[in-house]
């Protein structure tokens, strides 16, 4: 699935994968689906990732959000994520920086 289209439990699962918090088994999927980990909606979970990673967030001209993470200062390379909320944009940006433009997510989490 495209990282730029991840949302809800699929996005939260991808963030958990980046954080090394899950191994992808059925218990992990159930935990995500039950809302046990939701950094794309919970500032207490997503906020520390934004701060630790140094993700910059701003609004776009259409009322959405853009998150940017510089991946190499010398080369001037960066990753961006967009979303309807700043947490969604930031978590998409974070996942893209760790896993790339596409992510293999469990079928149970596919929209």
C-alpha atoms as a PDB file:
ATOM      1  CA  UNK A   1       0.000   0.000   0.000  1.00  0.00           C
ATOM      2  CA  UNK A   2       1.240   3.523  -0.695  1.00  0.00           C
ATOM      3  CA  UNK A   3       2.557   5.177   2.444  1.00  0.00           C
ATOM      4  CA  UNK A   4       0.812   8.384   1.402  1.00  0.00           C
ATOM      5  CA  UNK A   5      -2.544   6.570   1.589  1.00  0.00           C
ATOM      6  CA  UNK A   6      -2.086   4.862   4.959  1.00  0.00           C
ATOM      7  CA  UNK A   7      -4.722   5.775   7.503  1.00  0.00           C
ATOM      8  CA  UNK A   8      -6.270   4.450  10.696  1.00  0.00           C
ATOM      9  CA  UNK A   9      -5.125   1.054  11.947  1.00  0.00           C
ATOM     10  CA  UNK A  10      -2.936   0.488   8.868  1.00  0.00           C
ATOM     11  CA  UNK A  11      -0.975   3.683   9.582  1.00  0.00           C
ATOM     12  CA  UNK A  12      -0.728   2.910  13.290  1.00  0.00           C
ATOM     13  CA  UNK A  13       0.540  -0.602  12.496  1.00  0.00           C
ATOM     14  CA  UNK A  14       3.192   0.797  10.147  1.00  0.00           C
ATOM     15  CA  UNK A  15       4.353   3.253  12.826  1.00  0.00           C
ATOM     16  CA  UNK A  16       4.531   0.427  15.367  1.00  0.00           C
ATOM     17  CA  UNK A  17       6.625  -1.541  12.881  1.00  0.00           C
ATOM     18  CA  UNK A  18       9.005   1.413  12.491  1.00  0.00           C
ATOM     19  CA  UNK A  19       9.256   1.689  16.259  1.00  0.00           C
ATOM     20  CA  UNK A  20      10.136  -2.008  16.561  1.00  0.00           C
ATOM     21  CA  UNK A  21       7.108  -2.459  18.820  1.00  0.00           C
ATOM     22  CA  UNK A  22       5.512  -5.334  16.894  1.00  0.00           C
ATOM     23  CA  UNK A  23       6.539  -8.425  15.005  1.00  0.00           C
ATOM     24  CA  UNK A  24       3.417  -8.693  12.837  1.00  0.00           C
ATOM     25  CA  UNK A  25       1.629 -11.608  14.443  1.00  0.00           C
ATOM     26  CA  UNK A  26      -2.117 -11.870  15.099  1.00  0.00           C
ATOM     27  CA  UNK A  27      -1.783 -10.477  18.641  1.00  0.00           C
ATOM     28  CA  UNK A  28      -0.147  -7.333  17.270  1.00  0.00           C
ATOM     29  CA  UNK A  29      -2.877  -6.887  14.676  1.00  0.00           C
ATOM     30  CA  UNK A  30      -5.579  -7.311  17.328  1.00  0.00           C
ATOM     31  CA  UNK A  31      -3.874  -4.809  19.620  1.00  0.00           C
ATOM     32  CA  UNK A  32      -3.772  -2.218  16.829  1.00  0.00           C
ATOM     33  CA  UNK A  33      -7.378  -2.874  15.773  1.00  0.00           C
ATOM     34  CA  UNK A  34      -8.561  -2.473  19.381  1.00  0.00           C
ATOM     35  CA  UNK A  35      -6.947   0.973  19.555  1.00  0.00           C
ATOM     36  CA  UNK A  36      -4.156  -0.065  21.907  1.00  0.00           C
ATOM     37  CA  UNK A  37      -1.657   1.913  19.862  1.00  0.00           C
ATOM     38  CA  UNK A  38      -2.790   4.888  17.804  1.00  0.00           C
ATOM     39  CA  UNK A  39      -0.037   7.465  17.220  1.00  0.00           C
ATOM     40  CA  UNK A  40      -1.953   8.856  14.248  1.00  0.00           C
ATOM     41  CA  UNK A  41      -4.703  10.115  16.591  1.00  0.00           C
ATOM     42  CA  UNK A  42      -3.138  10.194  20.070  1.00  0.00           C
ATOM     43  CA  UNK A  43      -0.701  13.032  20.814  1.00  0.00           C
ATOM     44  CA  UNK A  44       0.684  11.158  23.814  1.00  0.00           C
ATOM     45  CA  UNK A  45       1.915   8.475  21.395  1.00  0.00           C
ATOM     46  CA  UNK A  46       2.599  10.430  18.192  1.00  0.00           C
ATOM     47  CA  UNK A  47       3.961  13.608  19.781  1.00  0.00           C
ATOM     48  CA  UNK A  48       7.142  12.033  21.169  1.00  0.00           C
ATOM     49  CA  UNK A  49       7.919  10.529  17.746  1.00  0.00           C
ATOM     50  CA  UNK A  50       7.532  13.931  16.096  1.00  0.00           C
ATOM     51  CA  UNK A  51       9.820  15.534  18.670  1.00  0.00           C
ATOM     52  CA  UNK A  52      12.442  12.755  18.672  1.00  0.00           C
ATOM     53  CA  UNK A  53      12.651  12.579  14.888  1.00  0.00           C
ATOM     54  CA  UNK A  54      12.579  16.360  14.365  1.00  0.00           C
ATOM     55  CA  UNK A  55       9.585  16.305  12.046  1.00  0.00           C
ATOM     56  CA  UNK A  56       8.465  19.768  10.929  1.00  0.00           C
ATOM     57  CA  UNK A  57       4.733  20.309  10.453  1.00  0.00           C
ATOM     58  CA  UNK A  58       2.851  23.119   8.725  1.00  0.00           C
ATOM     59  CA  UNK A  59      -0.512  23.687   7.096  1.00  0.00           C
ATOM     60  CA  UNK A  60      -0.994  23.748   3.351  1.00  0.00           C
ATOM     61  CA  UNK A  61      -3.093  26.259   1.432  1.00  0.00           C
ATOM     62  CA  UNK A  62      -6.054  23.856   1.324  1.00  0.00           C
ATOM     63  CA  UNK A  63      -6.441  23.293   5.060  1.00  0.00           C
ATOM     64  CA  UNK A  64      -4.450  20.078   5.196  1.00  0.00           C
ATOM     65  CA  UNK A  65      -1.115  19.400   6.831  1.00  0.00           C
ATOM     66  CA  UNK A  66       2.392  18.736   5.509  1.00  0.00           C
ATOM     67  CA  UNK A  67       5.119  17.083   7.571  1.00  0.00           C
ATOM     68  CA  UNK A  68       8.767  17.180   6.533  1.00  0.00           C
ATOM     69  CA  UNK A  69      11.755  15.238   7.809  1.00  0.00           C
ATOM     70  CA  UNK A  70      15.227  16.022   6.519  1.00  0.00           C
ATOM     71  CA  UNK A  71      16.992  12.716   5.946  1.00  0.00           C
ATOM     72  CA  UNK A  72      20.396  14.070   4.913  1.00  0.00           C
ATOM     73  CA  UNK A  73      21.403  17.649   5.676  1.00  0.00           C
ATOM     74  CA  UNK A  74      24.491  17.568   3.447  1.00  0.00           C
ATOM     75  CA  UNK A  75      22.618  16.197   0.442  1.00  0.00           C
ATOM     76  CA  UNK A  76      19.514  18.251   1.162  1.00  0.00           C
ATOM     77  CA  UNK A  77      17.231  15.204   0.940  1.00  0.00           C
ATOM     78  CA  UNK A  78      13.960  15.002   2.781  1.00  0.00           C
ATOM     79  CA  UNK A  79      10.739  13.029   3.101  1.00  0.00           C
ATOM     80  CA  UNK A  80       7.255  14.507   3.316  1.00  0.00           C
ATOM     81  CA  UNK A  81       3.874  13.283   4.392  1.00  0.00           C
ATOM     82  CA  UNK A  82       0.495  14.907   3.932  1.00  0.00           C
ATOM     83  CA  UNK A  83      -2.755  14.426   5.802  1.00  0.00           C
ATOM     84  CA  UNK A  84      -6.009  15.878   7.052  1.00  0.00           C
ATOM     85  CA  UNK A  85      -4.489  16.208  10.538  1.00  0.00           C
ATOM     86  CA  UNK A  86      -0.967  17.036  11.619  1.00  0.00           C
ATOM     87  CA  UNK A  87      -0.586  13.652  13.340  1.00  0.00           C
ATOM     88  CA  UNK A  88      -1.564  11.762  10.182  1.00  0.00           C
ATOM     89  CA  UNK A  89       0.837  13.845   8.094  1.00  0.00           C
ATOM     90  CA  UNK A  90       3.657  13.365  10.593  1.00  0.00           C
ATOM     91  CA  UNK A  91       3.152   9.615  10.950  1.00  0.00           C
ATOM     92  CA  UNK A  92       3.025   9.161   7.152  1.00  0.00           C
ATOM     93  CA  UNK A  93       6.256  11.159   6.945  1.00  0.00           C
ATOM     94  CA  UNK A  94       7.860   9.015   9.657  1.00  0.00           C
ATOM     95  CA  UNK A  95       6.822   5.747   8.014  1.00  0.00           C
ATOM     96  CA  UNK A  96       8.068   6.960   4.615  1.00  0.00           C
ATOM     97  CA  UNK A  97      11.440   7.844   6.161  1.00  0.00           C
ATOM     98  CA  UNK A  98      11.820   4.338   7.613  1.00  0.00           C
ATOM     99  CA  UNK A  99       9.965   2.044   5.195  1.00  0.00           C
ATOM    100  CA  UNK A 100       9.773   3.967   1.916  1.00  0.00           C
ATOM    101  CA  UNK A 101       6.917   4.886  -0.391  1.00  0.00           C
ATOM    102  CA  UNK A 102       5.098   1.557  -0.078  1.00  0.00           C
ATOM    103  CA  UNK A 103       4.407  -0.684   2.893  1.00  0.00           C
ATOM    104  CA  UNK A 104       3.265  -4.291   3.031  1.00  0.00           C
ATOM    105  CA  UNK A 105       0.531  -4.292   5.652  1.00  0.00           C
ATOM    106  CA  UNK A 106      -1.447  -7.277   6.951  1.00  0.00           C
ATOM    107  CA  UNK A 107      -4.597  -8.011   4.966  1.00  0.00           C
ATOM    108  CA  UNK A 108      -6.711  -7.531   8.112  1.00  0.00           C
ATOM    109  CA  UNK A 109      -5.679  -3.868   8.190  1.00  0.00           C
ATOM    110  CA  UNK A 110      -6.218  -3.079   4.514  1.00  0.00           C
ATOM    111  CA  UNK A 111      -8.968  -0.534   3.865  1.00  0.00           C
END
